[in-house]
Amino acid sequence: MPEGGMQGGGMPMGMPGGGSSEVSATFSNMTLNGDMVTSMTGESNVIINLENATITGAITTATAVPVGEPSYEKYYLIGEVTNTYCATDDKYGIKASLDKTSKWIVDETSYLTGLTMADGAVIAAPEGSSVTMTVDGVNKPIKAGEYIGKIVLTIIKS
């Protein structure tokens, strides 16, 4: 587990202990590198909460395609998929929330269905790039607020 701890809650419908239609994870007091991806957008929402945390990577929905055909000899292929980051028309998606001391460095175009930014929260691109945001196809400034819809954070490499 990362330093600072991780809290999670909620299990998708149909899972043991389920009953909630969302999966949530809170990352506090840490720095993260890597992507947070869900391709199970027909099953449940994924909610990512950043509290005094920084992430460099994508937070996005995707489609998933299995890698190879699992067999007795190739057991390691079970659950192995290739994700293609894209928007979803499914019932659910991924939502991100940044508190006033959190920062998201978007290093790959990301597709969300909800975004909440507190005053002081930062969404930026890596050095040498820029990031733009659209909500339902309309350009929006990246600033504090709550956004719901088809949100795309696009990276433009210089």
N, C-alpha and C. Protein backbone atom coordinates (compact mmCIF):
# COMPACT_ATOMS: atom_id res chain seq x y z
N MET A 1 0.85 -1.18 0.00
CA MET A 1 0.00 0.00 0.00
C MET A 1 0.89 1.23 0.00
N PRO A 2 0.53 2.28 -0.77
CA PRO A 2 1.34 3.49 -0.82
C PRO A 2 1.44 4.16 0.55
N GLU A 3 2.56 4.86 0.77
CA GLU A 3 2.72 5.60 2.02
C GLU A 3 1.58 6.61 2.14
N GLY A 4 1.01 6.74 3.31
CA GLY A 4 -0.10 7.65 3.52
C GLY A 4 -1.42 6.92 3.55
N GLY A 5 -1.44 5.72 2.95
CA GLY A 5 -2.63 4.89 3.02
C GLY A 5 -3.61 5.13 1.90
N MET A 6 -4.45 4.14 1.70
CA MET A 6 -5.50 4.21 0.70
C MET A 6 -6.76 3.70 1.36
N GLN A 7 -7.85 4.38 1.09
CA GLN A 7 -9.14 3.94 1.62
C GLN A 7 -10.03 3.63 0.44
N GLY A 8 -10.76 2.56 0.52
CA GLY A 8 -11.68 2.20 -0.56
C GLY A 8 -13.01 1.81 0.02
N GLY A 9 -13.99 1.80 -0.81
CA GLY A 9 -15.29 1.39 -0.33
C GLY A 9 -16.23 1.13 -1.47
N GLY A 10 -17.25 0.37 -1.19
CA GLY A 10 -18.25 0.07 -2.20
C GLY A 10 -17.83 -1.07 -3.08
N MET A 11 -18.74 -1.95 -3.35
CA MET A 11 -18.50 -3.06 -4.27
C MET A 11 -19.58 -3.00 -5.33
N PRO A 12 -19.23 -3.33 -6.59
CA PRO A 12 -20.24 -3.32 -7.63
C PRO A 12 -21.38 -4.29 -7.31
N MET A 13 -22.54 -4.01 -7.87
CA MET A 13 -23.68 -4.90 -7.71
C MET A 13 -23.28 -6.30 -8.13
N GLY A 14 -23.80 -7.30 -7.45
CA GLY A 14 -23.51 -8.67 -7.80
C GLY A 14 -22.26 -9.22 -7.15
N MET A 15 -21.44 -8.36 -6.57
CA MET A 15 -20.22 -8.81 -5.90
C MET A 15 -20.56 -9.14 -4.45
N PRO A 16 -19.85 -10.11 -3.86
CA PRO A 16 -20.09 -10.40 -2.45
C PRO A 16 -19.94 -9.13 -1.61
N GLY A 17 -20.87 -8.92 -0.72
CA GLY A 17 -20.82 -7.71 0.10
C GLY A 17 -21.30 -6.49 -0.66
N GLY A 18 -21.81 -6.69 -1.87
CA GLY A 18 -22.20 -5.59 -2.74
C GLY A 18 -23.46 -4.89 -2.28
N GLY A 19 -24.03 -4.17 -3.17
CA GLY A 19 -25.22 -3.40 -2.88
C GLY A 19 -25.06 -1.98 -3.36
N SER A 20 -23.84 -1.52 -3.46
CA SER A 20 -23.57 -0.18 -3.96
C SER A 20 -23.32 -0.26 -5.46
N SER A 21 -23.63 0.80 -6.17
CA SER A 21 -23.36 0.82 -7.61
C SER A 21 -22.12 1.64 -7.91
N GLU A 22 -21.20 1.72 -6.97
CA GLU A 22 -19.96 2.44 -7.23
C GLU A 22 -18.80 1.84 -6.45
N VAL A 23 -17.63 2.09 -6.98
CA VAL A 23 -16.38 1.74 -6.33
C VAL A 23 -15.66 3.05 -6.08
N SER A 24 -15.22 3.28 -4.86
CA SER A 24 -14.52 4.53 -4.58
C SER A 24 -13.20 4.26 -3.90
N ALA A 25 -12.24 5.14 -4.17
CA ALA A 25 -10.93 5.05 -3.55
C ALA A 25 -10.46 6.46 -3.22
N THR A 26 -9.93 6.63 -2.03
CA THR A 26 -9.39 7.91 -1.60
C THR A 26 -7.89 7.77 -1.40
N PHE A 27 -7.14 8.66 -2.01
CA PHE A 27 -5.69 8.66 -1.91
C PHE A 27 -5.29 9.93 -1.17
N SER A 28 -4.65 9.76 -0.03
CA SER A 28 -4.32 10.89 0.85
C SER A 28 -2.83 10.96 1.12
N ASN A 29 -2.30 12.19 1.12
CA ASN A 29 -0.94 12.45 1.56
C ASN A 29 0.09 11.60 0.83
N MET A 30 0.02 11.61 -0.50
CA MET A 30 0.96 10.79 -1.28
C MET A 30 1.16 11.36 -2.67
N THR A 31 2.18 10.81 -3.34
CA THR A 31 2.45 11.11 -4.74
C THR A 31 2.31 9.81 -5.51
N LEU A 32 1.53 9.85 -6.59
CA LEU A 32 1.25 8.67 -7.40
C LEU A 32 1.73 8.89 -8.82
N ASN A 33 2.24 7.83 -9.43
CA ASN A 33 2.62 7.84 -10.84
C ASN A 33 1.97 6.65 -11.50
N GLY A 34 1.16 6.89 -12.54
CA GLY A 34 0.50 5.81 -13.24
C GLY A 34 -0.94 6.18 -13.54
N ASP A 35 -1.61 5.30 -14.25
CA ASP A 35 -2.96 5.58 -14.71
C ASP A 35 -4.00 4.87 -13.84
N MET A 36 -5.17 5.49 -13.72
CA MET A 36 -6.34 4.89 -13.07
C MET A 36 -7.39 4.75 -14.15
N VAL A 37 -7.74 3.49 -14.46
CA VAL A 37 -8.54 3.19 -15.64
C VAL A 37 -9.69 2.26 -15.28
N THR A 38 -10.87 2.51 -15.83
CA THR A 38 -11.96 1.55 -15.73
C THR A 38 -12.53 1.30 -17.11
N SER A 39 -12.70 0.02 -17.41
CA SER A 39 -13.39 -0.37 -18.64
C SER A 39 -14.73 -1.02 -18.30
N MET A 40 -15.06 -1.10 -17.03
CA MET A 40 -16.30 -1.74 -16.60
C MET A 40 -17.40 -0.69 -16.40
N THR A 41 -17.57 0.14 -17.41
CA THR A 41 -18.49 1.28 -17.31
C THR A 41 -19.95 0.88 -17.44
N GLY A 42 -20.23 -0.35 -17.72
CA GLY A 42 -21.59 -0.84 -17.70
C GLY A 42 -21.98 -1.40 -16.34
N GLU A 43 -21.00 -1.52 -15.44
CA GLU A 43 -21.21 -2.16 -14.14
C GLU A 43 -21.34 -1.18 -12.98
N SER A 44 -20.46 -0.18 -12.92
CA SER A 44 -20.48 0.74 -11.78
C SER A 44 -19.62 1.96 -12.05
N ASN A 45 -19.90 3.02 -11.28
CA ASN A 45 -19.03 4.19 -11.29
C ASN A 45 -17.76 3.87 -10.52
N VAL A 46 -16.68 4.50 -10.92
CA VAL A 46 -15.44 4.50 -10.15
C VAL A 46 -15.22 5.95 -9.74
N ILE A 47 -15.01 6.15 -8.45
CA ILE A 47 -14.82 7.50 -7.92
C ILE A 47 -13.44 7.58 -7.29
N ILE A 48 -12.63 8.50 -7.79
CA ILE A 48 -11.27 8.71 -7.30
C ILE A 48 -11.25 10.03 -6.55
N ASN A 49 -10.86 9.98 -5.27
CA ASN A 49 -10.75 11.18 -4.43
C ASN A 49 -9.28 11.40 -4.11
N LEU A 50 -8.79 12.60 -4.41
CA LEU A 50 -7.43 12.98 -4.05
C LEU A 50 -7.49 13.99 -2.91
N GLU A 51 -6.79 13.68 -1.83
CA GLU A 51 -6.72 14.55 -0.66
C GLU A 51 -5.26 14.79 -0.33
N ASN A 52 -4.80 16.01 -0.56
CA ASN A 52 -3.38 16.34 -0.37
C ASN A 52 -2.51 15.32 -1.10
N ALA A 53 -2.87 15.08 -2.36
CA ALA A 53 -2.18 14.07 -3.16
C ALA A 53 -1.87 14.63 -4.54
N THR A 54 -0.83 14.08 -5.16
CA THR A 54 -0.47 14.43 -6.52
C THR A 54 -0.41 13.16 -7.34
N ILE A 55 -1.01 13.20 -8.52
CA ILE A 55 -0.92 12.07 -9.45
C ILE A 55 -0.41 12.57 -10.79
N THR A 56 0.49 11.81 -11.38
CA THR A 56 0.91 12.04 -12.76
C THR A 56 0.43 10.82 -13.53
N GLY A 57 -0.49 11.04 -14.46
CA GLY A 57 -1.04 9.93 -15.23
C GLY A 57 -2.44 10.26 -15.72
N ALA A 58 -3.09 9.26 -16.28
CA ALA A 58 -4.46 9.40 -16.77
C ALA A 58 -5.43 8.91 -15.70
N ILE A 59 -6.60 9.53 -15.65
CA ILE A 59 -7.75 9.02 -14.92
C ILE A 59 -8.83 8.95 -15.98
N THR A 60 -9.24 7.73 -16.37
CA THR A 60 -10.01 7.63 -17.60
C THR A 60 -10.86 6.37 -17.71
N THR A 61 -11.87 6.46 -18.56
CA THR A 61 -12.60 5.28 -18.99
C THR A 61 -11.88 4.69 -20.20
N ALA A 62 -12.19 3.43 -20.49
CA ALA A 62 -11.52 2.74 -21.59
C ALA A 62 -12.37 1.57 -22.06
N THR A 63 -11.99 1.01 -23.20
CA THR A 63 -12.49 -0.29 -23.61
C THR A 63 -11.37 -1.28 -23.38
N ALA A 64 -11.73 -2.53 -23.11
CA ALA A 64 -10.72 -3.56 -22.82
C ALA A 64 -10.91 -4.75 -23.75
N VAL A 65 -9.79 -5.26 -24.26
CA VAL A 65 -9.79 -6.43 -25.13
C VAL A 65 -8.85 -7.46 -24.50
N PRO A 66 -9.31 -8.71 -24.34
CA PRO A 66 -8.44 -9.74 -23.74
C PRO A 66 -7.16 -9.92 -24.55
N VAL A 67 -6.08 -10.23 -23.84
CA VAL A 67 -4.80 -10.52 -24.48
C VAL A 67 -4.66 -12.04 -24.56
N GLY A 68 -4.66 -12.59 -25.75
CA GLY A 68 -4.47 -14.03 -25.92
C GLY A 68 -5.64 -14.85 -25.42
N GLU A 69 -5.46 -16.15 -25.47
CA GLU A 69 -6.48 -17.12 -25.05
C GLU A 69 -5.93 -17.88 -23.84
N PRO A 70 -6.48 -17.64 -22.65
CA PRO A 70 -5.99 -18.37 -21.47
C PRO A 70 -6.16 -19.89 -21.65
N SER A 71 -5.21 -20.62 -21.14
CA SER A 71 -5.27 -22.09 -21.16
C SER A 71 -4.54 -22.58 -19.92
N TYR A 72 -4.48 -23.88 -19.75
CA TYR A 72 -3.77 -24.45 -18.61
C TYR A 72 -2.31 -23.98 -18.62
N GLU A 73 -1.69 -23.99 -19.80
CA GLU A 73 -0.29 -23.58 -19.93
C GLU A 73 -0.12 -22.06 -19.86
N LYS A 74 -1.16 -21.34 -20.25
CA LYS A 74 -1.09 -19.87 -20.27
C LYS A 74 -2.05 -19.26 -19.26
N TYR A 75 -2.07 -19.81 -18.06
CA TYR A 75 -2.94 -19.34 -16.98
C TYR A 75 -2.73 -17.86 -16.68
N TYR A 76 -1.51 -17.37 -16.91
CA TYR A 76 -1.17 -15.99 -16.60
C TYR A 76 -1.91 -14.98 -17.48
N LEU A 77 -2.58 -15.44 -18.52
CA LEU A 77 -3.36 -14.54 -19.38
C LEU A 77 -4.75 -14.25 -18.82
N ILE A 78 -5.16 -14.98 -17.78
CA ILE A 78 -6.48 -14.74 -17.20
C ILE A 78 -6.52 -13.31 -16.65
N GLY A 79 -7.46 -12.54 -17.13
CA GLY A 79 -7.62 -11.15 -16.69
C GLY A 79 -6.70 -10.15 -17.38
N GLU A 80 -5.81 -10.62 -18.23
CA GLU A 80 -4.90 -9.72 -18.96
C GLU A 80 -5.65 -9.06 -20.10
N VAL A 81 -5.67 -7.73 -20.14
CA VAL A 81 -6.37 -7.00 -21.18
C VAL A 81 -5.52 -5.85 -21.70
N THR A 82 -5.88 -5.39 -22.88
CA THR A 82 -5.32 -4.17 -23.43
C THR A 82 -6.40 -3.10 -23.37
N ASN A 83 -6.11 -2.00 -22.71
CA ASN A 83 -7.06 -0.89 -22.57
C ASN A 83 -6.83 0.15 -23.66
N THR A 84 -7.93 0.61 -24.25
CA THR A 84 -7.90 1.75 -25.17
C THR A 84 -8.69 2.87 -24.51
N TYR A 85 -8.01 3.95 -24.17
CA TYR A 85 -8.65 5.06 -23.47
C TYR A 85 -9.63 5.76 -24.41
N CYS A 86 -10.88 5.92 -23.94
CA CYS A 86 -11.91 6.55 -24.76
C CYS A 86 -13.10 6.91 -23.89
N ALA A 87 -14.01 7.70 -24.46
CA ALA A 87 -15.26 8.05 -23.77
C ALA A 87 -16.18 6.84 -23.78
N THR A 88 -17.19 6.88 -22.93
CA THR A 88 -18.15 5.78 -22.85
C THR A 88 -19.57 6.30 -23.04
N ASP A 89 -20.40 5.46 -23.61
CA ASP A 89 -21.82 5.74 -23.69
C ASP A 89 -22.58 4.89 -22.69
N ASP A 90 -21.84 4.13 -21.87
CA ASP A 90 -22.46 3.28 -20.86
C ASP A 90 -23.07 4.10 -19.74
N LYS A 91 -23.79 3.42 -18.87
CA LYS A 91 -24.50 4.06 -17.77
C LYS A 91 -23.55 4.72 -16.76
N TYR A 92 -22.37 4.14 -16.59
CA TYR A 92 -21.43 4.61 -15.56
C TYR A 92 -20.13 5.10 -16.18
N GLY A 93 -19.24 5.60 -15.34
CA GLY A 93 -17.94 6.09 -15.81
C GLY A 93 -16.98 6.24 -14.67
N ILE A 94 -16.11 7.22 -14.79
CA ILE A 94 -15.13 7.50 -13.74
C ILE A 94 -15.23 8.98 -13.37
N LYS A 95 -15.18 9.24 -12.07
CA LYS A 95 -15.28 10.60 -11.55
C LYS A 95 -14.05 10.86 -10.69
N ALA A 96 -13.53 12.08 -10.77
CA ALA A 96 -12.38 12.46 -9.96
C ALA A 96 -12.71 13.69 -9.14
N SER A 97 -12.17 13.72 -7.93
CA SER A 97 -12.36 14.85 -7.03
C SER A 97 -11.01 15.24 -6.45
N LEU A 98 -10.67 16.52 -6.55
CA LEU A 98 -9.40 17.03 -6.03
C LEU A 98 -9.69 18.06 -4.95
N ASP A 99 -9.10 17.87 -3.77
CA ASP A 99 -9.26 18.87 -2.73
C ASP A 99 -8.29 20.03 -2.98
N LYS A 100 -8.32 21.03 -2.11
CA LYS A 100 -7.56 22.27 -2.34
C LYS A 100 -6.05 22.09 -2.37
N THR A 101 -5.54 20.96 -1.89
CA THR A 101 -4.09 20.75 -1.86
C THR A 101 -3.66 19.64 -2.82
N SER A 102 -4.53 19.25 -3.75
CA SER A 102 -4.20 18.16 -4.67
C SER A 102 -3.86 18.68 -6.06
N LYS A 103 -3.08 17.85 -6.77
CA LYS A 103 -2.63 18.21 -8.11
C LYS A 103 -2.69 16.98 -9.00
N TRP A 104 -3.19 17.16 -10.21
CA TRP A 104 -3.22 16.11 -11.22
C TRP A 104 -2.45 16.59 -12.43
N ILE A 105 -1.35 15.91 -12.74
CA ILE A 105 -0.58 16.19 -13.94
C ILE A 105 -1.05 15.17 -14.98
N VAL A 106 -1.84 15.64 -15.93
CA VAL A 106 -2.46 14.79 -16.94
C VAL A 106 -1.43 14.55 -18.04
N ASP A 107 -0.92 13.32 -18.13
CA ASP A 107 0.10 13.07 -19.14
C ASP A 107 -0.41 12.29 -20.34
N GLU A 108 -1.72 11.96 -20.33
CA GLU A 108 -2.36 11.30 -21.47
C GLU A 108 -3.82 11.73 -21.48
N THR A 109 -4.37 11.94 -22.66
CA THR A 109 -5.76 12.37 -22.77
C THR A 109 -6.65 11.46 -21.92
N SER A 110 -7.52 12.08 -21.12
CA SER A 110 -8.35 11.36 -20.16
C SER A 110 -9.83 11.66 -20.39
N TYR A 111 -10.66 10.65 -20.14
CA TYR A 111 -12.11 10.73 -20.37
C TYR A 111 -12.81 10.44 -19.04
N LEU A 112 -13.58 11.42 -18.55
CA LEU A 112 -14.28 11.28 -17.29
C LEU A 112 -15.77 11.55 -17.48
N THR A 113 -16.54 11.20 -16.45
CA THR A 113 -17.97 11.54 -16.44
C THR A 113 -18.29 12.51 -15.31
N GLY A 114 -17.31 12.80 -14.47
CA GLY A 114 -17.49 13.79 -13.41
C GLY A 114 -16.14 14.29 -12.94
N LEU A 115 -16.08 15.57 -12.61
CA LEU A 115 -14.84 16.17 -12.10
C LEU A 115 -15.22 17.26 -11.12
N THR A 116 -14.65 17.19 -9.92
CA THR A 116 -14.85 18.23 -8.91
C THR A 116 -13.48 18.75 -8.50
N MET A 117 -13.30 20.06 -8.59
CA MET A 117 -12.05 20.71 -8.21
C MET A 117 -12.34 21.77 -7.15
N ALA A 118 -11.68 21.66 -6.01
CA ALA A 118 -11.80 22.67 -4.97
C ALA A 118 -10.92 23.86 -5.33
N ASP A 119 -11.21 25.03 -4.74
CA ASP A 119 -10.32 26.18 -4.89
C ASP A 119 -8.93 25.77 -4.44
N GLY A 120 -7.92 26.01 -5.26
CA GLY A 120 -6.55 25.65 -4.93
C GLY A 120 -6.09 24.37 -5.60
N ALA A 121 -7.01 23.51 -6.02
CA ALA A 121 -6.66 22.29 -6.75
C ALA A 121 -6.05 22.66 -8.09
N VAL A 122 -5.14 21.80 -8.58
CA VAL A 122 -4.43 22.09 -9.83
C VAL A 122 -4.56 20.90 -10.77
N ILE A 123 -4.91 21.21 -12.02
CA ILE A 123 -4.80 20.25 -13.11
C ILE A 123 -3.88 20.89 -14.12
N ALA A 124 -2.81 20.17 -14.47
CA ALA A 124 -1.78 20.71 -15.35
C ALA A 124 -1.28 19.62 -16.28
N ALA A 125 -0.47 20.02 -17.25
CA ALA A 125 0.17 19.09 -18.18
C ALA A 125 1.65 19.00 -17.82
N PRO A 126 2.32 17.95 -18.28
CA PRO A 126 3.76 17.88 -18.07
C PRO A 126 4.47 19.03 -18.77
N GLU A 127 5.66 19.33 -18.33
CA GLU A 127 6.45 20.40 -18.93
C GLU A 127 6.56 20.16 -20.44
N GLY A 128 6.36 21.21 -21.21
CA GLY A 128 6.43 21.11 -22.66
C GLY A 128 5.11 20.75 -23.33
N SER A 129 4.07 20.60 -22.54
CA SER A 129 2.74 20.27 -23.07
C SER A 129 1.71 21.20 -22.44
N SER A 130 0.49 21.15 -22.96
CA SER A 130 -0.61 21.88 -22.35
C SER A 130 -1.82 20.95 -22.29
N VAL A 131 -2.80 21.32 -21.46
CA VAL A 131 -4.01 20.52 -21.32
C VAL A 131 -5.22 21.42 -21.50
N THR A 132 -6.22 20.93 -22.24
CA THR A 132 -7.48 21.64 -22.42
C THR A 132 -8.61 20.74 -21.93
N MET A 133 -9.76 21.35 -21.63
CA MET A 133 -10.90 20.58 -21.16
C MET A 133 -12.14 20.92 -21.96
N THR A 134 -12.89 19.87 -22.32
CA THR A 134 -14.22 20.05 -22.88
C THR A 134 -15.21 19.28 -22.01
N VAL A 135 -16.42 19.80 -21.91
CA VAL A 135 -17.52 19.13 -21.23
C VAL A 135 -18.66 19.07 -22.24
N ASP A 136 -19.04 17.86 -22.59
CA ASP A 136 -20.06 17.64 -23.62
C ASP A 136 -19.71 18.40 -24.90
N GLY A 137 -18.43 18.41 -25.24
CA GLY A 137 -17.96 19.02 -26.48
C GLY A 137 -17.73 20.51 -26.44
N VAL A 138 -17.99 21.15 -25.30
CA VAL A 138 -17.83 22.60 -25.16
C VAL A 138 -16.55 22.89 -24.39
N ASN A 139 -15.69 23.76 -24.95
CA ASN A 139 -14.45 24.15 -24.25
C ASN A 139 -14.79 24.83 -22.93
N LYS A 140 -14.07 24.43 -21.88
CA LYS A 140 -14.25 25.02 -20.55
C LYS A 140 -12.88 25.35 -19.97
N PRO A 141 -12.80 26.43 -19.20
CA PRO A 141 -11.54 26.70 -18.49
C PRO A 141 -11.36 25.66 -17.39
N ILE A 142 -10.13 25.31 -17.12
CA ILE A 142 -9.84 24.35 -16.05
C ILE A 142 -9.69 25.16 -14.77
N LYS A 143 -10.76 25.15 -13.98
CA LYS A 143 -10.78 25.91 -12.74
C LYS A 143 -11.69 25.22 -11.74
N ALA A 144 -11.68 25.71 -10.51
CA ALA A 144 -12.51 25.13 -9.45
C ALA A 144 -13.96 25.06 -9.89
N GLY A 145 -14.62 23.96 -9.51
CA GLY A 145 -16.02 23.78 -9.83
C GLY A 145 -16.37 22.31 -9.94
N GLU A 146 -17.62 22.05 -10.25
CA GLU A 146 -18.10 20.69 -10.44
C GLU A 146 -18.58 20.55 -11.88
N TYR A 147 -18.08 19.53 -12.56
CA TYR A 147 -18.40 19.30 -13.96
C TYR A 147 -18.97 17.89 -14.10
N ILE A 148 -20.06 17.77 -14.85
CA ILE A 148 -20.69 16.48 -15.07
C ILE A 148 -21.01 16.37 -16.56
N GLY A 149 -20.75 15.21 -17.13
CA GLY A 149 -21.01 14.98 -18.54
C GLY A 149 -19.83 14.25 -19.15
N LYS A 150 -19.71 14.37 -20.46
CA LYS A 150 -18.56 13.77 -21.15
C LYS A 150 -17.41 14.76 -21.09
N ILE A 151 -16.50 14.51 -20.16
CA ILE A 151 -15.39 15.41 -19.91
C ILE A 151 -14.14 14.83 -20.56
N VAL A 152 -13.46 15.64 -21.35
CA VAL A 152 -12.22 15.20 -22.00
C VAL A 152 -11.13 16.20 -21.64
N LEU A 153 -10.08 15.69 -21.02
CA LEU A 153 -8.88 16.47 -20.77
C LEU A 153 -7.86 16.04 -21.82
N THR A 154 -7.58 16.93 -22.76
CA THR A 154 -6.74 16.62 -23.91
C THR A 154 -5.34 17.18 -23.71
N ILE A 155 -4.35 16.34 -23.94
CA ILE A 155 -2.96 16.77 -23.87
C ILE A 155 -2.50 17.21 -25.25
N ILE A 156 -1.89 18.39 -25.29
CA ILE A 156 -1.33 18.92 -26.53
C ILE A 156 0.16 19.03 -26.32
N LYS A 157 0.91 18.20 -27.06
CA LYS A 157 2.36 18.18 -26.91
C LYS A 157 2.98 19.23 -27.82
N SER A 158 3.85 20.03 -27.23
CA SER A 158 4.50 21.12 -27.99
C SER A 158 5.64 20.61 -28.83
